[in-house]
């Protein structure tokens, strides 16, 4: 796995939604959408729950 400051190999996917990753955000390869979502969740002290009986796909 790449460390902060290193470029990700071309084609690296976001570990959350499987879109193309733009960098290491929160220590994992992720896209800007997921980076922003999790930043807002942390800043606003939000928690989320799947309303689909535990079957909520997270993808692009």
PDB file of N, CA and C in Angstrom:
ATOM      1  N   UNK A   1       0.854  -1.175   0.000  1.00  0.00           N
ATOM      2  CA  UNK A   1       0.000   0.000   0.000  1.00  0.00           C
ATOM      3  C   UNK A   1       0.898   1.235   0.000  1.00  0.00           C
ATOM      4  N   UNK A   2       0.494   2.256  -0.706  1.00  0.00           N
ATOM      5  CA  UNK A   2       1.275   3.494  -0.775  1.00  0.00           C
ATOM      6  C   UNK A   2       1.171   4.266   0.537  1.00  0.00           C
ATOM      7  N   UNK A   3       2.215   4.991   0.825  1.00  0.00           N
ATOM      8  CA  UNK A   3       2.225   5.820   2.025  1.00  0.00           C
ATOM      9  C   UNK A   3       1.880   7.242   1.666  1.00  0.00           C
ATOM     10  N   UNK A   4       1.504   8.034   2.644  1.00  0.00           N
ATOM     11  CA  UNK A   4       1.147   9.428   2.409  1.00  0.00           C
ATOM     12  C   UNK A   4       2.258  10.122   1.635  1.00  0.00           C
ATOM     13  N   UNK A   5       1.900  10.839   0.605  1.00  0.00           N
ATOM     14  CA  UNK A   5       2.877  11.545  -0.197  1.00  0.00           C
ATOM     15  C   UNK A   5       3.297  10.768  -1.436  1.00  0.00           C
ATOM     16  N   UNK A   6       3.031   9.459  -1.472  1.00  0.00           N
ATOM     17  CA  UNK A   6       3.344   8.654  -2.643  1.00  0.00           C
ATOM     18  C   UNK A   6       2.149   8.638  -3.584  1.00  0.00           C
ATOM     19  N   UNK A   7       2.444   8.578  -4.874  1.00  0.00           N
ATOM     20  CA  UNK A   7       1.358   8.454  -5.843  1.00  0.00           C
ATOM     21  C   UNK A   7       0.868   7.017  -5.874  1.00  0.00           C
ATOM     22  N   UNK A   8      -0.408   6.861  -6.103  1.00  0.00           N
ATOM     23  CA  UNK A   8      -0.994   5.525  -6.229  1.00  0.00           C
ATOM     24  C   UNK A   8      -0.729   4.998  -7.636  1.00  0.00           C
ATOM     25  N   UNK A   9      -0.588   3.696  -7.770  1.00  0.00           N
ATOM     26  CA  UNK A   9      -0.452   3.127  -9.114  1.00  0.00           C
ATOM     27  C   UNK A   9      -1.699   3.432  -9.949  1.00  0.00           C
ATOM     28  N   UNK A  10      -1.523   3.665 -11.250  1.00  0.00           N
ATOM     29  CA  UNK A  10      -2.687   3.927 -12.112  1.00  0.00           C
ATOM     30  C   UNK A  10      -3.705   2.795 -12.003  1.00  0.00           C
ATOM     31  N   UNK A  11      -4.973   3.156 -11.933  1.00  0.00           N
ATOM     32  CA  UNK A  11      -6.037   2.171 -11.865  1.00  0.00           C
ATOM     33  C   UNK A  11      -6.373   1.708 -10.456  1.00  0.00           C
ATOM     34  N   UNK A  12      -5.727   2.280  -9.434  1.00  0.00           N
ATOM     35  CA  UNK A  12      -6.044   1.904  -8.056  1.00  0.00           C
ATOM     36  C   UNK A  12      -7.478   2.296  -7.747  1.00  0.00           C
ATOM     37  N   UNK A  13      -8.224   1.387  -7.129  1.00  0.00           N
ATOM     38  CA  UNK A  13      -9.635   1.632  -6.834  1.00  0.00           C
ATOM     39  C   UNK A  13      -9.838   2.066  -5.392  1.00  0.00           C
ATOM     40  N   UNK A  14     -10.861   2.867  -5.177  1.00  0.00           N
ATOM     41  CA  UNK A  14     -11.294   3.280  -3.843  1.00  0.00           C
ATOM     42  C   UNK A  14     -11.736   2.033  -3.081  1.00  0.00           C
ATOM     43  N   UNK A  15     -11.240   1.854  -1.863  1.00  0.00           N
ATOM     44  CA  UNK A  15     -11.596   0.662  -1.083  1.00  0.00           C
ATOM     45  C   UNK A  15     -13.027   0.728  -0.560  1.00  0.00           C
ATOM     46  N   UNK A  16     -13.663   1.877  -0.659  1.00  0.00           N
ATOM     47  CA  UNK A  16     -15.036   2.026  -0.179  1.00  0.00           C
ATOM     48  C   UNK A  16     -16.038   1.733  -1.289  1.00  0.00           C
ATOM     49  N   UNK A  17     -15.899   2.420  -2.434  1.00  0.00           N
ATOM     50  CA  UNK A  17     -16.930   2.334  -3.479  1.00  0.00           C
ATOM     51  C   UNK A  17     -16.448   1.755  -4.804  1.00  0.00           C
ATOM     52  N   UNK A  18     -15.173   1.456  -4.892  1.00  0.00           N
ATOM     53  CA  UNK A  18     -14.567   0.871  -6.088  1.00  0.00           C
ATOM     54  C   UNK A  18     -14.495   1.813  -7.286  1.00  0.00           C
ATOM     55  N   UNK A  19     -14.660   3.133  -7.068  1.00  0.00           N
ATOM     56  CA  UNK A  19     -14.395   4.122  -8.105  1.00  0.00           C
ATOM     57  C   UNK A  19     -12.874   4.289  -8.163  1.00  0.00           C
ATOM     58  N   UNK A  20     -12.364   5.057  -9.114  1.00  0.00           N
ATOM     59  CA  UNK A  20     -10.923   5.294  -9.166  1.00  0.00           C
ATOM     60  C   UNK A  20     -10.479   6.117  -7.962  1.00  0.00           C
ATOM     61  N   UNK A  21      -9.441   5.664  -7.292  1.00  0.00           N
ATOM     62  CA  UNK A  21      -8.906   6.375  -6.131  1.00  0.00           C
ATOM     63  C   UNK A  21      -8.080   7.569  -6.594  1.00  0.00           C
ATOM     64  N   UNK A  22      -8.160   8.659  -5.860  1.00  0.00           N
ATOM     65  CA  UNK A  22      -7.387   9.860  -6.182  1.00  0.00           C
ATOM     66  C   UNK A  22      -6.182  10.023  -5.266  1.00  0.00           C
ATOM     67  N   UNK A  23      -6.117   9.232  -4.211  1.00  0.00           N
ATOM     68  CA  UNK A  23      -4.986   9.305  -3.284  1.00  0.00           C
ATOM     69  C   UNK A  23      -5.290   8.516  -2.031  1.00  0.00           C
ATOM     70  N   UNK A  24      -4.334   8.548  -1.110  1.00  0.00           N
ATOM     71  CA  UNK A  24      -4.536   7.914   0.189  1.00  0.00           C
ATOM     72  C   UNK A  24      -5.198   8.923   1.109  1.00  0.00           C
ATOM     73  N   UNK A  25      -6.420   8.681   1.451  1.00  0.00           N
ATOM     74  CA  UNK A  25      -7.176   9.548   2.348  1.00  0.00           C
ATOM     75  C   UNK A  25      -7.566   8.708   3.551  1.00  0.00           C
ATOM     76  N   UNK A  26      -7.251   9.176   4.743  1.00  0.00           N
ATOM     77  CA  UNK A  26      -7.509   8.420   5.971  1.00  0.00           C
ATOM     78  C   UNK A  26      -6.814   7.060   5.913  1.00  0.00           C
ATOM     79  N   UNK A  27      -5.630   7.035   5.338  1.00  0.00           N
ATOM     80  CA  UNK A  27      -4.728   5.869   5.280  1.00  0.00           C
ATOM     81  C   UNK A  27      -5.171   4.756   4.341  1.00  0.00           C
ATOM     82  N   UNK A  28      -6.146   5.006   3.486  1.00  0.00           N
ATOM     83  CA  UNK A  28      -6.552   4.008   2.498  1.00  0.00           C
ATOM     84  C   UNK A  28      -6.749   4.690   1.145  1.00  0.00           C
ATOM     85  N   UNK A  29      -6.542   3.952   0.054  1.00  0.00           N
ATOM     86  CA  UNK A  29      -6.828   4.522  -1.261  1.00  0.00           C
ATOM     87  C   UNK A  29      -8.329   4.810  -1.378  1.00  0.00           C
ATOM     88  N   UNK A  30      -8.668   6.049  -1.680  1.00  0.00           N
ATOM     89  CA  UNK A  30     -10.080   6.391  -1.825  1.00  0.00           C
ATOM     90  C   UNK A  30     -10.265   7.510  -2.838  1.00  0.00           C
ATOM     91  N   UNK A  31     -11.498   7.647  -3.307  1.00  0.00           N
ATOM     92  CA  UNK A  31     -11.848   8.692  -4.268  1.00  0.00           C
ATOM     93  C   UNK A  31     -12.198   9.975  -3.510  1.00  0.00           C
ATOM     94  N   UNK A  32     -12.326  11.061  -4.246  1.00  0.00           N
ATOM     95  CA  UNK A  32     -12.662  12.335  -3.595  1.00  0.00           C
ATOM     96  C   UNK A  32     -14.051  12.320  -2.975  1.00  0.00           C
ATOM     97  N   UNK A  33     -15.000  11.622  -3.595  1.00  0.00           N
ATOM     98  CA  UNK A  33     -16.362  11.553  -3.042  1.00  0.00           C
ATOM     99  C   UNK A  33     -16.378  10.902  -1.672  1.00  0.00           C
ATOM    100  N   UNK A  34     -15.703   9.770  -1.545  1.00  0.00           N
ATOM    101  CA  UNK A  34     -15.663   9.076  -0.246  1.00  0.00           C
ATOM    102  C   UNK A  34     -14.846   9.863   0.767  1.00  0.00           C
ATOM    103  N   UNK A  35     -13.758  10.471   0.328  1.00  0.00           N
ATOM    104  CA  UNK A  35     -12.953  11.303   1.219  1.00  0.00           C
ATOM    105  C   UNK A  35     -13.814  12.409   1.823  1.00  0.00           C
ATOM    106  N   UNK A  36     -14.584  13.081   0.973  1.00  0.00           N
ATOM    107  CA  UNK A  36     -15.427  14.187   1.434  1.00  0.00           C
ATOM    108  C   UNK A  36     -16.543  13.683   2.345  1.00  0.00           C
ATOM    109  N   UNK A  37     -17.174  12.579   1.986  1.00  0.00           N
ATOM    110  CA  UNK A  37     -18.242  12.009   2.804  1.00  0.00           C
ATOM    111  C   UNK A  37     -17.736  11.701   4.214  1.00  0.00           C
ATOM    112  N   UNK A  38     -16.606  11.004   4.311  1.00  0.00           N
ATOM    113  CA  UNK A  38     -16.092  10.624   5.629  1.00  0.00           C
ATOM    114  C   UNK A  38     -15.565  11.819   6.401  1.00  0.00           C
ATOM    115  N   UNK A  39     -15.003  12.813   5.714  1.00  0.00           N
ATOM    116  CA  UNK A  39     -14.558  14.029   6.403  1.00  0.00           C
ATOM    117  C   UNK A  39     -15.753  14.733   7.035  1.00  0.00           C
ATOM    118  N   UNK A  40     -16.826  14.875   6.280  1.00  0.00           N
ATOM    119  CA  UNK A  40     -18.029  15.530   6.817  1.00  0.00           C
ATOM    120  C   UNK A  40     -18.629  14.720   7.961  1.00  0.00           C
ATOM    121  N   UNK A  41     -18.612  13.404   7.849  1.00  0.00           N
ATOM    122  CA  UNK A  41     -19.146  12.551   8.913  1.00  0.00           C
ATOM    123  C   UNK A  41     -18.352  12.745  10.204  1.00  0.00           C
ATOM    124  N   UNK A  42     -17.031  12.835  10.081  1.00  0.00           N
ATOM    125  CA  UNK A  42     -16.182  13.019  11.262  1.00  0.00           C
ATOM    126  C   UNK A  42     -16.360  14.426  11.842  1.00  0.00           C
ATOM    127  N   UNK A  43     -16.293  15.436  10.974  1.00  0.00           N
ATOM    128  CA  UNK A  43     -16.407  16.829  11.435  1.00  0.00           C
ATOM    129  C   UNK A  43     -17.751  17.080  12.106  1.00  0.00           C
ATOM    130  N   UNK A  44     -18.819  16.510  11.551  1.00  0.00           N
ATOM    131  CA  UNK A  44     -20.163  16.737  12.087  1.00  0.00           C
ATOM    132  C   UNK A  44     -20.603  15.674  13.090  1.00  0.00           C
ATOM    133  N   UNK A  45     -19.683  14.780  13.451  1.00  0.00           N
ATOM    134  CA  UNK A  45     -19.960  13.722  14.432  1.00  0.00           C
ATOM    135  C   UNK A  45     -21.206  12.914  14.055  1.00  0.00           C
ATOM    136  N   UNK A  46     -21.290  12.526  12.776  1.00  0.00           N
ATOM    137  CA  UNK A  46     -22.447  11.798  12.260  1.00  0.00           C
ATOM    138  C   UNK A  46     -22.212  10.294  12.333  1.00  0.00           C
ATOM    139  N   UNK A  47     -23.267   9.542  12.488  1.00  0.00           N
ATOM    140  CA  UNK A  47     -23.231   8.085  12.359  1.00  0.00           C
ATOM    141  C   UNK A  47     -24.329   7.684  11.383  1.00  0.00           C
ATOM    142  N   UNK A  48     -24.114   6.582  10.701  1.00  0.00           N
ATOM    143  CA  UNK A  48     -25.043   6.134   9.682  1.00  0.00           C
ATOM    144  C   UNK A  48     -25.364   4.666   9.905  1.00  0.00           C
ATOM    145  N   UNK A  49     -26.564   4.264   9.519  1.00  0.00           N
ATOM    146  CA  UNK A  49     -26.969   2.866   9.631  1.00  0.00           C
ATOM    147  C   UNK A  49     -27.659   2.451   8.336  1.00  0.00           C
ATOM    148  N   UNK A  50     -27.427   1.224   7.929  1.00  0.00           N
ATOM    149  CA  UNK A  50     -28.071   0.673   6.743  1.00  0.00           C
ATOM    150  C   UNK A  50     -29.538   0.409   7.065  1.00  0.00           C
ATOM    151  N   UNK A  51     -30.428   0.936   6.241  1.00  0.00           N
ATOM    152  CA  UNK A  51     -31.865   0.738   6.438  1.00  0.00           C
ATOM    153  C   UNK A  51     -32.361  -0.475   5.658  1.00  0.00           C
ATOM    154  N   UNK A  52     -31.442  -1.176   4.962  1.00  0.00           N
ATOM    155  CA  UNK A  52     -31.812  -2.315   4.122  1.00  0.00           C
ATOM    156  C   UNK A  52     -31.531  -3.643   4.779  1.00  0.00           C
ATOM    157  N   UNK A  53     -31.758  -3.743   6.071  1.00  0.00           N
ATOM    158  CA  UNK A  53     -31.562  -5.006   6.803  1.00  0.00           C
ATOM    159  C   UNK A  53     -30.148  -5.538   6.639  1.00  0.00           C
ATOM    160  N   UNK A  54     -29.161  -4.616   6.650  1.00  0.00           N
ATOM    161  CA  UNK A  54     -27.758  -5.019   6.540  1.00  0.00           C
ATOM    162  C   UNK A  54     -27.302  -5.317   5.127  1.00  0.00           C
ATOM    163  N   UNK A  55     -28.159  -5.069   4.143  1.00  0.00           N
ATOM    164  CA  UNK A  55     -27.811  -5.323   2.751  1.00  0.00           C
ATOM    165  C   UNK A  55     -27.817  -4.013   1.978  1.00  0.00           C
ATOM    166  N   UNK A  56     -26.881  -3.134   2.310  1.00  0.00           N
ATOM    167  CA  UNK A  56     -26.786  -1.824   1.647  1.00  0.00           C
ATOM    168  C   UNK A  56     -25.478  -1.730   0.881  1.00  0.00           C
ATOM    169  N   UNK A  57     -25.506  -1.979  -0.423  1.00  0.00           N
ATOM    170  CA  UNK A  57     -24.266  -1.899  -1.199  1.00  0.00           C
ATOM    171  C   UNK A  57     -23.742  -0.472  -1.214  1.00  0.00           C
ATOM    172  N   UNK A  58     -22.447  -0.337  -1.099  1.00  0.00           N
ATOM    173  CA  UNK A  58     -21.779   0.964  -1.217  1.00  0.00           C
ATOM    174  C   UNK A  58     -20.904   0.871  -2.443  1.00  0.00           C
ATOM    175  N   UNK A  59     -21.315   1.586  -3.499  1.00  0.00           N
ATOM    176  CA  UNK A  59     -20.548   1.564  -4.741  1.00  0.00           C
ATOM    177  C   UNK A  59     -20.799   2.828  -5.530  1.00  0.00           C
ATOM    178  N   UNK A  60     -20.079   2.931  -6.613  1.00  0.00           N
ATOM    179  CA  UNK A  60     -20.180   4.106  -7.472  1.00  0.00           C
ATOM    180  C   UNK A  60     -21.573   4.205  -8.040  1.00  0.00           C
TER     181      UNK A  60
END
